[in-house]
């Protein structure tokens, strides 16, 4: 079991599920069996870019890297996608290792982890 923290939001990852929390109050539980795709996305803004882990849930079309725009995809499917952010790249890499322990190899985006 591990705890991923980002601002007031965090995720508790266990062998069976991911529990999303705000200021340590649980508000959503995602079972691993409900996850159909996991990858690394990068959105680019005018002044900055963000890299994060994205979980796609059942009932949502899969993200197609190279065809879909990351920001547009997330705006189009806000209830069926979950994002896990980290303030530093080294923490994001540690989060990926933890997720791979329970889910398996990521479906896309390893190139986003390379600087």
Protein backbone atom coordinates (compact mmCIF):
# COMPACT_ATOMS: atom_id res chain seq x y z
CA UNK A 1 0.00 0.00 0.00
CA UNK A 2 1.29 3.45 -0.83
CA UNK A 3 0.14 7.02 -0.60
CA UNK A 4 0.62 9.46 -3.48
CA UNK A 5 0.31 13.14 -2.49
CA UNK A 6 -0.30 16.19 -4.64
CA UNK A 7 -1.45 19.47 -3.07
CA UNK A 8 -4.60 18.71 -1.04
CA UNK A 9 -5.39 15.69 -3.21
CA UNK A 10 -3.91 12.27 -2.81
CA UNK A 11 -4.38 8.69 -3.92
CA UNK A 12 -4.04 5.56 -1.83
CA UNK A 13 -3.00 2.65 -4.04
CA UNK A 14 -3.51 -0.92 -2.85
CA UNK A 15 -3.50 -4.33 -4.51
CA UNK A 16 -7.29 -4.19 -5.08
CA UNK A 17 -8.09 -0.51 -5.67
CA UNK A 18 -7.18 3.17 -5.81
CA UNK A 19 -8.84 5.45 -3.28
CA UNK A 20 -8.96 9.13 -4.23
CA UNK A 21 -9.00 11.61 -1.35
CA UNK A 22 -9.15 15.34 -0.78
CA UNK A 23 -7.37 16.39 2.41
CA UNK A 24 -7.40 12.71 3.44
CA UNK A 25 -11.20 12.39 3.10
CA UNK A 26 -12.05 9.56 0.63
CA UNK A 27 -14.37 10.59 -2.18
CA UNK A 28 -13.89 7.94 -4.88
CA UNK A 29 -12.79 4.31 -5.11
CA UNK A 30 -11.55 2.80 -8.37
CA UNK A 31 -11.11 -0.97 -8.61
CA UNK A 32 -8.25 -2.21 -10.78
CA UNK A 33 -10.75 -4.30 -12.77
CA UNK A 34 -12.47 -1.04 -13.85
CA UNK A 35 -9.26 0.34 -15.38
CA UNK A 36 -8.87 -0.44 -19.11
CA UNK A 37 -5.81 1.69 -19.90
CA UNK A 38 -3.01 3.51 -18.06
CA UNK A 39 -0.40 5.80 -19.55
CA UNK A 40 1.63 8.97 -19.24
CA UNK A 41 0.21 12.16 -20.76
CA UNK A 42 1.75 15.56 -21.20
CA UNK A 43 -0.27 18.70 -21.75
CA UNK A 44 1.41 21.84 -22.96
CA UNK A 45 0.17 25.26 -22.01
CA UNK A 46 1.27 28.71 -23.02
CA UNK A 47 3.86 28.99 -20.25
CA UNK A 48 4.18 25.50 -18.82
CA UNK A 49 3.59 21.82 -19.38
CA UNK A 50 2.32 19.10 -17.07
CA UNK A 51 3.15 15.40 -17.08
CA UNK A 52 0.88 12.99 -15.26
CA UNK A 53 -0.41 9.42 -15.11
CA UNK A 54 -3.84 8.91 -16.68
CA UNK A 55 -6.17 6.01 -15.91
CA UNK A 56 -8.96 5.31 -18.40
CA UNK A 57 -11.98 3.55 -16.94
CA UNK A 58 -14.52 1.15 -18.46
CA UNK A 59 -17.03 2.88 -20.72
CA UNK A 60 -14.55 5.43 -22.04
CA UNK A 61 -12.87 5.23 -25.46
CA UNK A 62 -9.17 4.46 -25.18
CA UNK A 63 -6.67 7.28 -25.64
CA UNK A 64 -4.72 6.95 -28.89
CA UNK A 65 -1.31 8.53 -28.57
CA UNK A 66 -0.42 10.52 -31.66
CA UNK A 67 -4.05 10.90 -32.71
CA UNK A 68 -5.79 12.30 -29.65
CA UNK A 69 -4.90 15.59 -27.97
CA UNK A 70 -4.24 14.97 -24.26
CA UNK A 71 -5.96 18.10 -22.96
CA UNK A 72 -8.96 17.68 -25.24
CA UNK A 73 -9.31 14.01 -24.34
CA UNK A 74 -9.39 14.78 -20.61
CA UNK A 75 -11.91 17.61 -21.05
CA UNK A 76 -14.14 15.35 -23.15
CA UNK A 77 -14.10 12.45 -20.64
CA UNK A 78 -13.83 13.99 -17.13
CA UNK A 79 -15.80 11.24 -15.30
CA UNK A 80 -14.11 8.28 -16.99
CA UNK A 81 -10.49 9.40 -16.66
CA UNK A 82 -8.43 9.80 -13.51
CA UNK A 83 -5.16 11.73 -13.40
CA UNK A 84 -2.36 11.34 -10.88
CA UNK A 85 0.11 14.22 -10.80
CA UNK A 86 3.42 14.66 -9.05
CA UNK A 87 5.27 17.88 -8.47
CA UNK A 88 8.61 16.39 -9.52
CA UNK A 89 9.56 13.94 -12.27
CA UNK A 90 11.36 11.59 -9.84
CA UNK A 91 8.12 11.13 -7.88
CA UNK A 92 6.17 10.46 -11.07
CA UNK A 93 8.63 7.69 -11.95
CA UNK A 94 8.18 6.16 -8.49
CA UNK A 95 4.39 6.33 -8.94
CA UNK A 96 4.69 4.49 -12.27
CA UNK A 97 6.68 1.68 -10.63
CA UNK A 98 4.00 1.31 -7.97
CA UNK A 99 1.16 1.26 -10.51
CA UNK A 100 3.01 -1.29 -12.67
CA UNK A 101 3.25 -3.54 -9.61
CA UNK A 102 -0.56 -3.89 -9.54
CA UNK A 103 -1.63 -3.12 -13.13
CA UNK A 104 1.23 -4.25 -15.33
CA UNK A 105 3.19 -2.39 -17.98
CA UNK A 106 1.76 1.00 -18.99
CA UNK A 107 -0.13 1.15 -22.29
CA UNK A 108 1.50 4.35 -23.60
CA UNK A 109 3.69 7.30 -22.75
CA UNK A 110 7.04 5.97 -21.54
CA UNK A 111 8.70 8.55 -23.80
CA UNK A 112 7.12 11.30 -21.65
CA UNK A 113 9.22 10.19 -18.65
CA UNK A 114 12.51 10.76 -20.48
CA UNK A 115 13.93 14.28 -20.18
